[in-house]
Amino acid sequence: MSLPDIESGPKVSIIVPSHNHARYLPARLDSIFAQTLQDFELIVLDDASTDDSRAVLARRAGDPRMRTMLGETNSGSVFRQWNRGLRMATREYVWIAESDDCADPRFLETLVGLLDRHPEVGVACCQSRVIDGDGRELHLSSAWYESMDATRWKADFIGRGTEECRRFLIRQNTIPNASCAVFRRSLAEKVGGAPEHARLVG
């Protein structure tokens, strides 16, 4: 079977790894389908949930852009799920949209637009608003790392990867979650995907 033509098919593969997040899945999926950029395929990976997740997913099964993979045995690692999704992804860009998050409707339009305009950039990310289990905003994610530089994350910038690692990422995770980033699938494949042995910050 041949893969879809990347020039004529959707631009973004959205991967939603989920385990026992039935409470959050409706808001997550709503925020995906409400994106102003609708040029995507959606891959939902349920990691053997024991709550009502599968019923939530069944109610969304009619959208032809959505593929749902139901695991019978828990993988034991969200990063295994990331890699499973990457192997299924067929599009130029990837967004790992974690199942207990939601996104601004302009998220994909904004970050995909940045990647389109800057072919030298491998990953585009944005601020996250940290919310509690009831959706109440607590603070911006930059509150965790702005002590390293008070102004850096207040406006758009392009940084060299090695420099970002040397100055910032070695000290603190300035890309606080997968949900705030869109990256080039080719680069993820080149580095071999996520480290499945990791427990945090994959």
N, C-alpha and C. Protein backbone atom coordinates (compact mmCIF):
# COMPACT_ATOMS: atom_id res chain seq x y z
N MET A 1 0.85 -1.18 0.00
CA MET A 1 0.00 0.00 0.00
C MET A 1 0.89 1.24 0.00
N SER A 2 0.63 2.17 -0.88
CA SER A 2 1.45 3.39 -0.93
C SER A 2 0.91 4.43 0.03
N LEU A 3 1.82 5.26 0.55
CA LEU A 3 1.42 6.33 1.46
C LEU A 3 0.78 7.45 0.68
N PRO A 4 -0.09 8.28 1.33
CA PRO A 4 -0.69 9.41 0.64
C PRO A 4 0.38 10.37 0.14
N ASP A 5 0.09 11.05 -0.95
CA ASP A 5 0.98 12.05 -1.51
C ASP A 5 1.04 13.23 -0.55
N ILE A 6 2.23 13.51 0.00
CA ILE A 6 2.37 14.57 1.00
C ILE A 6 2.04 15.94 0.42
N GLU A 7 2.15 16.09 -0.92
CA GLU A 7 1.85 17.38 -1.52
C GLU A 7 0.35 17.63 -1.60
N SER A 8 -0.46 16.56 -1.73
CA SER A 8 -1.89 16.74 -1.92
C SER A 8 -2.70 16.43 -0.67
N GLY A 9 -2.11 15.73 0.29
CA GLY A 9 -2.84 15.36 1.49
C GLY A 9 -2.72 16.41 2.58
N PRO A 10 -3.26 16.11 3.75
CA PRO A 10 -3.17 17.05 4.87
C PRO A 10 -1.72 17.38 5.22
N LYS A 11 -1.53 18.51 5.87
CA LYS A 11 -0.18 18.99 6.19
C LYS A 11 0.31 18.48 7.53
N VAL A 12 -0.59 18.22 8.48
CA VAL A 12 -0.21 17.94 9.86
C VAL A 12 -0.76 16.58 10.31
N SER A 13 0.10 15.79 10.95
CA SER A 13 -0.35 14.59 11.67
C SER A 13 -0.48 14.97 13.14
N ILE A 14 -1.68 14.83 13.67
CA ILE A 14 -1.92 15.09 15.09
C ILE A 14 -2.00 13.74 15.80
N ILE A 15 -1.15 13.56 16.80
CA ILE A 15 -1.11 12.32 17.57
C ILE A 15 -1.63 12.61 18.98
N VAL A 16 -2.66 11.88 19.38
CA VAL A 16 -3.21 12.03 20.74
C VAL A 16 -3.01 10.72 21.48
N PRO A 17 -1.95 10.63 22.31
CA PRO A 17 -1.79 9.44 23.16
C PRO A 17 -2.65 9.61 24.41
N SER A 18 -3.39 8.59 24.79
CA SER A 18 -4.32 8.76 25.91
C SER A 18 -4.42 7.49 26.74
N HIS A 19 -4.52 7.70 28.04
CA HIS A 19 -4.75 6.58 28.96
C HIS A 19 -5.59 7.09 30.12
N ASN A 20 -6.81 6.57 30.24
CA ASN A 20 -7.72 6.92 31.33
C ASN A 20 -7.96 8.43 31.46
N HIS A 21 -8.13 9.09 30.32
CA HIS A 21 -8.39 10.53 30.31
C HIS A 21 -9.77 10.84 29.75
N ALA A 22 -10.74 9.98 30.01
CA ALA A 22 -12.10 10.21 29.51
C ALA A 22 -12.63 11.57 29.96
N ARG A 23 -12.23 12.00 31.14
CA ARG A 23 -12.70 13.29 31.66
C ARG A 23 -12.25 14.45 30.79
N TYR A 24 -11.05 14.33 30.20
CA TYR A 24 -10.46 15.44 29.45
C TYR A 24 -10.60 15.30 27.94
N LEU A 25 -10.84 14.10 27.45
CA LEU A 25 -10.85 13.87 26.01
C LEU A 25 -11.85 14.73 25.24
N PRO A 26 -13.07 14.94 25.73
CA PRO A 26 -13.99 15.78 24.94
C PRO A 26 -13.43 17.18 24.68
N ALA A 27 -12.86 17.82 25.70
CA ALA A 27 -12.29 19.16 25.51
C ALA A 27 -11.08 19.11 24.59
N ARG A 28 -10.26 18.06 24.72
CA ARG A 28 -9.09 17.93 23.85
C ARG A 28 -9.53 17.80 22.39
N LEU A 29 -10.46 16.89 22.13
CA LEU A 29 -10.90 16.68 20.76
C LEU A 29 -11.64 17.89 20.21
N ASP A 30 -12.46 18.53 21.05
CA ASP A 30 -13.13 19.76 20.61
C ASP A 30 -12.11 20.80 20.17
N SER A 31 -11.01 20.94 20.93
CA SER A 31 -10.02 21.97 20.60
C SER A 31 -9.24 21.62 19.34
N ILE A 32 -9.16 20.34 18.99
CA ILE A 32 -8.54 19.94 17.73
C ILE A 32 -9.46 20.25 16.56
N PHE A 33 -10.70 19.82 16.67
CA PHE A 33 -11.64 20.02 15.56
C PHE A 33 -12.04 21.48 15.39
N ALA A 34 -11.74 22.32 16.39
CA ALA A 34 -12.04 23.76 16.29
C ALA A 34 -10.87 24.56 15.72
N GLN A 35 -9.77 23.89 15.33
CA GLN A 35 -8.61 24.61 14.82
C GLN A 35 -8.96 25.39 13.54
N THR A 36 -8.43 26.59 13.43
CA THR A 36 -8.65 27.38 12.21
C THR A 36 -7.93 26.76 11.02
N LEU A 37 -6.86 26.02 11.25
CA LEU A 37 -6.20 25.24 10.20
C LEU A 37 -6.74 23.82 10.29
N GLN A 38 -7.50 23.41 9.30
CA GLN A 38 -8.17 22.11 9.33
C GLN A 38 -7.45 21.07 8.48
N ASP A 39 -6.23 21.37 8.06
CA ASP A 39 -5.47 20.53 7.14
C ASP A 39 -4.68 19.48 7.92
N PHE A 40 -5.39 18.48 8.49
CA PHE A 40 -4.71 17.51 9.35
C PHE A 40 -5.32 16.13 9.24
N GLU A 41 -4.51 15.14 9.68
CA GLU A 41 -5.01 13.81 10.00
C GLU A 41 -4.87 13.66 11.51
N LEU A 42 -5.77 12.91 12.12
CA LEU A 42 -5.78 12.75 13.58
C LEU A 42 -5.64 11.27 13.92
N ILE A 43 -4.62 10.97 14.74
CA ILE A 43 -4.35 9.60 15.18
C ILE A 43 -4.51 9.58 16.70
N VAL A 44 -5.51 8.87 17.19
CA VAL A 44 -5.74 8.75 18.63
C VAL A 44 -5.34 7.36 19.08
N LEU A 45 -4.45 7.31 20.06
CA LEU A 45 -3.93 6.03 20.56
C LEU A 45 -4.40 5.84 22.00
N ASP A 46 -5.37 4.97 22.18
CA ASP A 46 -5.82 4.66 23.54
C ASP A 46 -4.98 3.53 24.10
N ASP A 47 -4.33 3.79 25.23
CA ASP A 47 -3.37 2.84 25.79
C ASP A 47 -4.03 1.95 26.84
N ALA A 48 -5.01 1.15 26.38
CA ALA A 48 -5.72 0.19 27.24
C ALA A 48 -6.40 0.88 28.43
N SER A 49 -7.14 1.94 28.14
CA SER A 49 -7.85 2.65 29.21
C SER A 49 -8.90 1.76 29.86
N THR A 50 -9.12 1.98 31.16
CA THR A 50 -10.14 1.23 31.89
C THR A 50 -11.31 2.12 32.30
N ASP A 51 -11.28 3.40 31.89
CA ASP A 51 -12.40 4.29 32.18
C ASP A 51 -13.31 4.36 30.94
N ASP A 52 -14.03 5.45 30.75
CA ASP A 52 -14.97 5.57 29.64
C ASP A 52 -14.35 6.16 28.37
N SER A 53 -13.02 6.13 28.27
CA SER A 53 -12.35 6.74 27.12
C SER A 53 -12.87 6.20 25.79
N ARG A 54 -13.06 4.90 25.71
CA ARG A 54 -13.46 4.31 24.42
C ARG A 54 -14.86 4.74 24.02
N ALA A 55 -15.72 4.96 24.99
CA ALA A 55 -17.06 5.47 24.67
C ALA A 55 -16.97 6.90 24.15
N VAL A 56 -16.08 7.70 24.73
CA VAL A 56 -15.87 9.07 24.25
C VAL A 56 -15.38 9.03 22.81
N LEU A 57 -14.41 8.16 22.52
CA LEU A 57 -13.85 8.07 21.18
C LEU A 57 -14.88 7.54 20.18
N ALA A 58 -15.72 6.62 20.61
CA ALA A 58 -16.73 6.05 19.71
C ALA A 58 -17.70 7.12 19.24
N ARG A 59 -17.98 8.10 20.09
CA ARG A 59 -18.89 9.18 19.70
C ARG A 59 -18.30 10.09 18.63
N ARG A 60 -16.97 10.03 18.45
CA ARG A 60 -16.29 10.86 17.45
C ARG A 60 -15.90 10.08 16.21
N ALA A 61 -16.26 8.84 16.14
CA ALA A 61 -15.71 7.95 15.11
C ALA A 61 -16.14 8.31 13.69
N GLY A 62 -17.11 9.16 13.52
CA GLY A 62 -17.61 9.46 12.18
C GLY A 62 -16.74 10.38 11.35
N ASP A 63 -15.78 11.07 11.97
CA ASP A 63 -14.96 12.01 11.21
C ASP A 63 -13.90 11.24 10.44
N PRO A 64 -13.86 11.38 9.11
CA PRO A 64 -12.92 10.59 8.31
C PRO A 64 -11.45 10.94 8.54
N ARG A 65 -11.18 12.09 9.19
CA ARG A 65 -9.79 12.46 9.46
C ARG A 65 -9.23 11.74 10.67
N MET A 66 -10.07 11.08 11.44
CA MET A 66 -9.66 10.51 12.73
C MET A 66 -9.51 8.99 12.63
N ARG A 67 -8.31 8.50 13.01
CA ARG A 67 -8.06 7.07 13.15
C ARG A 67 -7.88 6.79 14.63
N THR A 68 -8.54 5.77 15.14
CA THR A 68 -8.43 5.41 16.55
C THR A 68 -7.81 4.02 16.67
N MET A 69 -6.73 3.94 17.44
CA MET A 69 -6.07 2.67 17.69
C MET A 69 -6.28 2.32 19.16
N LEU A 70 -6.92 1.19 19.42
CA LEU A 70 -7.26 0.79 20.78
C LEU A 70 -6.31 -0.30 21.25
N GLY A 71 -5.45 0.04 22.20
CA GLY A 71 -4.52 -0.93 22.74
C GLY A 71 -5.19 -1.88 23.71
N GLU A 72 -4.85 -3.14 23.62
CA GLU A 72 -5.43 -4.13 24.54
C GLU A 72 -4.58 -4.30 25.79
N THR A 73 -3.30 -3.96 25.70
CA THR A 73 -2.38 -4.04 26.84
C THR A 73 -1.69 -2.70 26.98
N ASN A 74 -1.62 -2.19 28.20
CA ASN A 74 -0.97 -0.90 28.42
C ASN A 74 0.50 -0.98 28.09
N SER A 75 1.00 0.02 27.36
CA SER A 75 2.39 0.02 26.90
C SER A 75 3.38 0.33 28.02
N GLY A 76 2.91 0.96 29.09
CA GLY A 76 3.79 1.32 30.20
C GLY A 76 4.59 2.58 29.98
N SER A 77 4.41 3.25 28.83
CA SER A 77 5.21 4.44 28.55
C SER A 77 4.50 5.31 27.52
N VAL A 78 4.26 6.57 27.89
CA VAL A 78 3.68 7.49 26.91
C VAL A 78 4.63 7.71 25.73
N PHE A 79 5.94 7.56 25.97
CA PHE A 79 6.89 7.78 24.89
C PHE A 79 6.85 6.64 23.88
N ARG A 80 6.48 5.43 24.31
CA ARG A 80 6.23 4.35 23.35
C ARG A 80 5.03 4.72 22.47
N GLN A 81 4.03 5.34 23.10
CA GLN A 81 2.86 5.77 22.34
C GLN A 81 3.22 6.89 21.36
N TRP A 82 4.06 7.82 21.78
CA TRP A 82 4.53 8.87 20.86
C TRP A 82 5.15 8.21 19.62
N ASN A 83 6.05 7.25 19.85
CA ASN A 83 6.75 6.61 18.74
C ASN A 83 5.80 5.78 17.87
N ARG A 84 4.86 5.16 18.50
CA ARG A 84 3.85 4.42 17.72
C ARG A 84 3.10 5.38 16.80
N GLY A 85 2.71 6.53 17.36
CA GLY A 85 2.04 7.53 16.55
C GLY A 85 2.91 8.07 15.43
N LEU A 86 4.20 8.27 15.73
CA LEU A 86 5.12 8.75 14.70
C LEU A 86 5.24 7.76 13.55
N ARG A 87 5.23 6.48 13.88
CA ARG A 87 5.32 5.47 12.82
C ARG A 87 4.06 5.47 11.94
N MET A 88 2.95 5.88 12.51
CA MET A 88 1.70 5.93 11.75
C MET A 88 1.52 7.25 11.01
N ALA A 89 2.24 8.27 11.44
CA ALA A 89 2.08 9.60 10.85
C ALA A 89 2.59 9.62 9.41
N THR A 90 1.89 10.35 8.56
CA THR A 90 2.27 10.42 7.15
C THR A 90 2.50 11.84 6.67
N ARG A 91 2.31 12.83 7.52
CA ARG A 91 2.33 14.21 7.07
C ARG A 91 3.66 14.89 7.35
N GLU A 92 3.82 16.09 6.82
CA GLU A 92 5.08 16.83 6.94
C GLU A 92 5.37 17.26 8.38
N TYR A 93 4.33 17.69 9.08
CA TYR A 93 4.49 18.19 10.45
C TYR A 93 3.75 17.28 11.42
N VAL A 94 4.22 17.27 12.69
CA VAL A 94 3.60 16.46 13.74
C VAL A 94 3.29 17.34 14.94
N TRP A 95 2.11 17.13 15.49
CA TRP A 95 1.71 17.74 16.76
C TRP A 95 1.29 16.62 17.68
N ILE A 96 2.02 16.42 18.78
CA ILE A 96 1.62 15.46 19.80
C ILE A 96 0.74 16.23 20.78
N ALA A 97 -0.56 16.02 20.65
CA ALA A 97 -1.56 16.76 21.43
C ALA A 97 -1.97 15.92 22.63
N GLU A 98 -1.33 16.16 23.74
CA GLU A 98 -1.56 15.34 24.92
C GLU A 98 -3.04 15.38 25.33
N SER A 99 -3.54 14.24 25.80
CA SER A 99 -4.98 14.06 25.92
C SER A 99 -5.63 14.83 27.05
N ASP A 100 -4.85 15.36 27.98
CA ASP A 100 -5.44 16.13 29.07
C ASP A 100 -5.23 17.64 28.88
N ASP A 101 -4.89 18.04 27.65
CA ASP A 101 -4.69 19.45 27.33
C ASP A 101 -5.75 19.91 26.34
N CYS A 102 -5.81 21.20 26.11
CA CYS A 102 -6.62 21.76 25.03
C CYS A 102 -5.81 22.89 24.40
N ALA A 103 -6.27 23.41 23.28
CA ALA A 103 -5.46 24.38 22.53
C ALA A 103 -6.31 25.53 22.04
N ASP A 104 -5.68 26.68 21.92
CA ASP A 104 -6.29 27.83 21.28
C ASP A 104 -6.64 27.47 19.83
N PRO A 105 -7.76 27.95 19.30
CA PRO A 105 -8.13 27.61 17.93
C PRO A 105 -7.09 28.00 16.88
N ARG A 106 -6.24 28.97 17.18
CA ARG A 106 -5.23 29.43 16.21
C ARG A 106 -3.89 28.73 16.37
N PHE A 107 -3.82 27.74 17.24
CA PHE A 107 -2.54 27.08 17.53
C PHE A 107 -1.86 26.55 16.26
N LEU A 108 -2.54 25.67 15.54
CA LEU A 108 -1.92 25.08 14.35
C LEU A 108 -1.64 26.13 13.29
N GLU A 109 -2.58 27.00 13.05
CA GLU A 109 -2.38 28.05 12.04
C GLU A 109 -1.13 28.86 12.33
N THR A 110 -0.93 29.19 13.60
CA THR A 110 0.22 30.02 13.99
C THR A 110 1.53 29.27 13.86
N LEU A 111 1.63 28.07 14.47
CA LEU A 111 2.91 27.36 14.48
C LEU A 111 3.25 26.75 13.13
N VAL A 112 2.27 26.23 12.42
CA VAL A 112 2.54 25.71 11.07
C VAL A 112 2.95 26.86 10.15
N GLY A 113 2.32 28.02 10.33
CA GLY A 113 2.71 29.18 9.54
C GLY A 113 4.16 29.57 9.78
N LEU A 114 4.61 29.49 11.03
CA LEU A 114 6.01 29.79 11.34
C LEU A 114 6.95 28.79 10.68
N LEU A 115 6.62 27.51 10.75
CA LEU A 115 7.47 26.50 10.13
C LEU A 115 7.50 26.65 8.60
N ASP A 116 6.35 26.98 8.02
CA ASP A 116 6.31 27.20 6.57
C ASP A 116 7.21 28.36 6.16
N ARG A 117 7.21 29.41 6.96
CA ARG A 117 7.99 30.61 6.61
C ARG A 117 9.48 30.45 6.91
N HIS A 118 9.82 29.48 7.77
CA HIS A 118 11.21 29.29 8.19
C HIS A 118 11.61 27.83 8.00
N PRO A 119 11.96 27.43 6.78
CA PRO A 119 12.29 26.02 6.52
C PRO A 119 13.50 25.53 7.29
N GLU A 120 14.32 26.45 7.83
CA GLU A 120 15.49 26.06 8.61
C GLU A 120 15.13 25.68 10.05
N VAL A 121 13.90 25.91 10.45
CA VAL A 121 13.45 25.66 11.82
C VAL A 121 12.84 24.26 11.91
N GLY A 122 13.25 23.50 12.92
CA GLY A 122 12.77 22.12 13.08
C GLY A 122 11.57 21.98 14.00
N VAL A 123 11.47 22.86 15.00
CA VAL A 123 10.36 22.78 15.95
C VAL A 123 9.90 24.19 16.27
N ALA A 124 8.60 24.38 16.29
CA ALA A 124 8.00 25.65 16.71
C ALA A 124 7.18 25.38 17.95
N CYS A 125 7.35 26.23 18.95
CA CYS A 125 6.58 26.04 20.19
C CYS A 125 6.07 27.38 20.69
N CYS A 126 5.17 27.31 21.64
CA CYS A 126 4.55 28.53 22.15
C CYS A 126 4.39 28.44 23.66
N GLN A 127 3.96 29.53 24.25
CA GLN A 127 3.64 29.53 25.67
C GLN A 127 2.48 28.56 25.95
N SER A 128 2.45 28.02 27.12
CA SER A 128 1.31 27.24 27.60
C SER A 128 0.68 27.96 28.77
N ARG A 129 -0.62 27.91 28.81
CA ARG A 129 -1.34 28.37 30.00
C ARG A 129 -1.59 27.13 30.86
N VAL A 130 -1.06 27.13 32.06
CA VAL A 130 -1.22 26.00 32.96
C VAL A 130 -2.61 26.08 33.59
N ILE A 131 -3.39 25.01 33.44
CA ILE A 131 -4.74 24.98 33.99
C ILE A 131 -4.88 23.81 34.96
N ASP A 132 -5.85 23.92 35.85
CA ASP A 132 -6.09 22.81 36.77
C ASP A 132 -7.09 21.84 36.14
N GLY A 133 -7.49 20.82 36.87
CA GLY A 133 -8.37 19.78 36.35
C GLY A 133 -9.73 20.27 35.93
N ASP A 134 -10.11 21.45 36.40
CA ASP A 134 -11.41 22.03 36.04
C ASP A 134 -11.28 23.12 34.99
N GLY A 135 -10.08 23.26 34.41
CA GLY A 135 -9.89 24.22 33.34
C GLY A 135 -9.59 25.64 33.80
N ARG A 136 -9.37 25.84 35.09
CA ARG A 136 -9.05 27.18 35.58
C ARG A 136 -7.58 27.49 35.35
N GLU A 137 -7.32 28.67 34.79
CA GLU A 137 -5.94 29.05 34.50
C GLU A 137 -5.19 29.39 35.78
N LEU A 138 -3.97 28.84 35.89
CA LEU A 138 -3.14 29.08 37.07
C LEU A 138 -2.03 30.08 36.76
N HIS A 139 -1.29 29.84 35.69
CA HIS A 139 -0.20 30.74 35.30
C HIS A 139 0.32 30.32 33.94
N LEU A 140 1.23 31.12 33.36
CA LEU A 140 1.90 30.75 32.12
C LEU A 140 3.05 29.80 32.42
N SER A 141 3.35 28.93 31.49
CA SER A 141 4.45 27.99 31.69
C SER A 141 5.78 28.70 31.87
N SER A 142 5.93 29.89 31.32
CA SER A 142 7.20 30.61 31.43
C SER A 142 7.53 30.97 32.87
N ALA A 143 6.55 30.92 33.76
CA ALA A 143 6.83 31.19 35.18
C ALA A 143 7.84 30.19 35.73
N TRP A 144 7.95 29.00 35.11
CA TRP A 144 8.89 27.98 35.58
C TRP A 144 10.33 28.29 35.20
N TYR A 145 10.52 29.03 34.09
CA TYR A 145 11.89 29.16 33.58
C TYR A 145 12.31 30.59 33.24
N GLU A 146 11.45 31.57 33.46
CA GLU A 146 11.83 32.93 33.06
C GLU A 146 12.92 33.52 33.96
N SER A 147 13.22 32.87 35.07
CA SER A 147 14.33 33.35 35.90
C SER A 147 15.66 33.25 35.16
N MET A 148 15.74 32.37 34.13
CA MET A 148 16.97 32.27 33.34
C MET A 148 17.14 33.47 32.40
N ASP A 149 16.01 34.04 31.98
CA ASP A 149 16.05 35.21 31.09
C ASP A 149 14.67 35.85 31.15
N ALA A 150 14.61 37.07 31.67
CA ALA A 150 13.32 37.71 31.96
C ALA A 150 12.54 38.09 30.72
N THR A 151 13.19 38.23 29.56
CA THR A 151 12.48 38.73 28.38
C THR A 151 12.41 37.74 27.22
N ARG A 152 13.22 36.70 27.23
CA ARG A 152 13.37 35.82 26.05
C ARG A 152 12.05 35.24 25.57
N TRP A 153 11.18 34.80 26.45
CA TRP A 153 9.96 34.09 26.06
C TRP A 153 8.74 35.01 25.99
N LYS A 154 8.97 36.31 25.93
CA LYS A 154 7.86 37.26 25.84
C LYS A 154 7.56 37.68 24.40
N ALA A 155 8.37 37.26 23.44
CA ALA A 155 8.16 37.59 22.03
C ALA A 155 8.72 36.47 21.17
N ASP A 156 8.31 36.44 19.90
CA ASP A 156 8.81 35.42 18.98
C ASP A 156 10.32 35.53 18.82
N PHE A 157 10.99 34.39 18.67
CA PHE A 157 12.42 34.37 18.38
C PHE A 157 12.77 33.06 17.69
N ILE A 158 13.90 33.05 17.02
CA ILE A 158 14.46 31.82 16.45
C ILE A 158 15.79 31.57 17.14
N GLY A 159 15.96 30.37 17.67
CA GLY A 159 17.19 30.02 18.37
C GLY A 159 17.84 28.81 17.72
N ARG A 160 19.14 28.79 17.73
CA ARG A 160 19.88 27.62 17.23
C ARG A 160 19.77 26.50 18.25
N GLY A 161 19.49 25.28 17.80
CA GLY A 161 19.23 24.18 18.71
C GLY A 161 20.34 23.92 19.71
N THR A 162 21.59 23.90 19.21
CA THR A 162 22.71 23.63 20.12
C THR A 162 22.83 24.72 21.18
N GLU A 163 22.53 25.96 20.79
CA GLU A 163 22.61 27.07 21.73
C GLU A 163 21.47 27.00 22.75
N GLU A 164 20.29 26.62 22.29
CA GLU A 164 19.15 26.46 23.21
C GLU A 164 19.47 25.39 24.26
N CYS A 165 20.07 24.29 23.81
CA CYS A 165 20.43 23.23 24.75
C CYS A 165 21.50 23.71 25.74
N ARG A 166 22.54 24.36 25.21
CA ARG A 166 23.66 24.78 26.05
C ARG A 166 23.25 25.83 27.08
N ARG A 167 22.43 26.79 26.68
CA ARG A 167 22.09 27.90 27.56
C ARG A 167 20.87 27.63 28.43
N PHE A 168 19.92 26.86 27.92
CA PHE A 168 18.64 26.78 28.63
C PHE A 168 18.17 25.35 28.92
N LEU A 169 18.04 24.51 27.88
CA LEU A 169 17.41 23.21 28.08
C LEU A 169 18.19 22.29 29.01
N ILE A 170 19.51 22.48 29.09
CA ILE A 170 20.30 21.67 30.02
C ILE A 170 19.96 22.01 31.47
N ARG A 171 19.42 23.21 31.68
CA ARG A 171 19.10 23.68 33.03
C ARG A 171 17.63 23.49 33.37
N GLN A 172 16.76 23.71 32.39
CA GLN A 172 15.32 23.64 32.65
C GLN A 172 14.57 23.38 31.35
N ASN A 173 13.44 22.70 31.45
CA ASN A 173 12.70 22.37 30.24
C ASN A 173 11.88 23.57 29.79
N THR A 174 12.37 24.27 28.77
CA THR A 174 11.69 25.45 28.26
C THR A 174 10.65 25.11 27.19
N ILE A 175 10.52 23.83 26.85
CA ILE A 175 9.39 23.34 26.04
C ILE A 175 8.62 22.44 27.00
N PRO A 176 7.73 23.02 27.80
CA PRO A 176 7.22 22.34 28.99
C PRO A 176 6.31 21.14 28.73
N ASN A 177 5.76 21.04 27.52
CA ASN A 177 4.93 19.88 27.21
C ASN A 177 4.87 19.69 25.69
N ALA A 178 4.58 18.47 25.28
CA ALA A 178 4.53 18.19 23.85
C ALA A 178 3.42 18.97 23.17
N SER A 179 2.35 19.25 23.90
CA SER A 179 1.19 19.91 23.31
C SER A 179 1.47 21.32 22.81
N CYS A 180 2.56 21.94 23.26
CA CYS A 180 2.83 23.32 22.86
C CYS A 180 3.77 23.40 21.67
N ALA A 181 4.03 22.28 20.99
CA ALA A 181 5.02 22.26 19.91
C ALA A 181 4.51 21.53 18.68
N VAL A 182 4.97 22.01 17.53
CA VAL A 182 4.78 21.32 16.25
C VAL A 182 6.18 21.15 15.66
N PHE A 183 6.48 19.97 15.13
CA PHE A 183 7.83 19.72 14.62
C PHE A 183 7.78 18.98 13.30
N ARG A 184 8.92 18.96 12.62
CA ARG A 184 9.02 18.29 11.33
C ARG A 184 9.18 16.77 11.55
N ARG A 185 8.32 16.01 10.92
CA ARG A 185 8.36 14.55 11.08
C ARG A 185 9.70 13.98 10.64
N SER A 186 10.28 14.54 9.58
CA SER A 186 11.55 14.01 9.07
C SER A 186 12.66 14.09 10.11
N LEU A 187 12.66 15.14 10.92
CA LEU A 187 13.69 15.28 11.95
C LEU A 187 13.45 14.31 13.10
N ALA A 188 12.19 14.12 13.46
CA ALA A 188 11.88 13.15 14.52
C ALA A 188 12.34 11.75 14.11
N GLU A 189 12.11 11.41 12.83
CA GLU A 189 12.56 10.11 12.34
C GLU A 189 14.08 10.02 12.32
N LYS A 190 14.73 11.13 11.97
CA LYS A 190 16.19 11.14 11.88
C LYS A 190 16.85 10.86 13.23
N VAL A 191 16.26 11.39 14.32
CA VAL A 191 16.85 11.19 15.64
C VAL A 191 16.34 9.92 16.32
N GLY A 192 15.45 9.19 15.65
CA GLY A 192 14.99 7.92 16.20
C GLY A 192 13.80 8.03 17.13
N GLY A 193 13.08 9.16 17.10
CA GLY A 193 11.89 9.30 17.93
C GLY A 193 12.22 9.61 19.38
N ALA A 194 11.24 9.37 20.23
CA ALA A 194 11.39 9.67 21.66
C ALA A 194 12.14 8.55 22.37
N PRO A 195 12.89 8.89 23.44
CA PRO A 195 13.60 7.85 24.21
C PRO A 195 12.62 7.08 25.10
N GLU A 196 12.36 5.84 24.76
CA GLU A 196 11.32 5.08 25.45
C GLU A 196 11.70 4.69 26.87
N HIS A 197 12.98 4.78 27.21
CA HIS A 197 13.40 4.46 28.58
C HIS A 197 13.16 5.64 29.52
N ALA A 198 12.89 6.84 28.98
CA ALA A 198 12.71 8.02 29.82
C ALA A 198 11.45 7.92 30.65
N ARG A 199 11.48 8.50 31.83
CA ARG A 199 10.29 8.56 32.66
C ARG A 199 9.62 9.93 32.57
N LEU A 200 10.41 10.97 32.40
CA LEU A 200 9.92 12.35 32.31
C LEU A 200 10.64 13.05 31.17
N VAL A 201 10.06 14.12 30.65
CA VAL A 201 10.71 15.02 29.69
C VAL A 201 11.25 14.25 28.49
N GLY A 202 10.41 13.47 27.85
CA GLY A 202 10.84 12.67 26.71
C GLY A 202 11.14 13.49 25.47
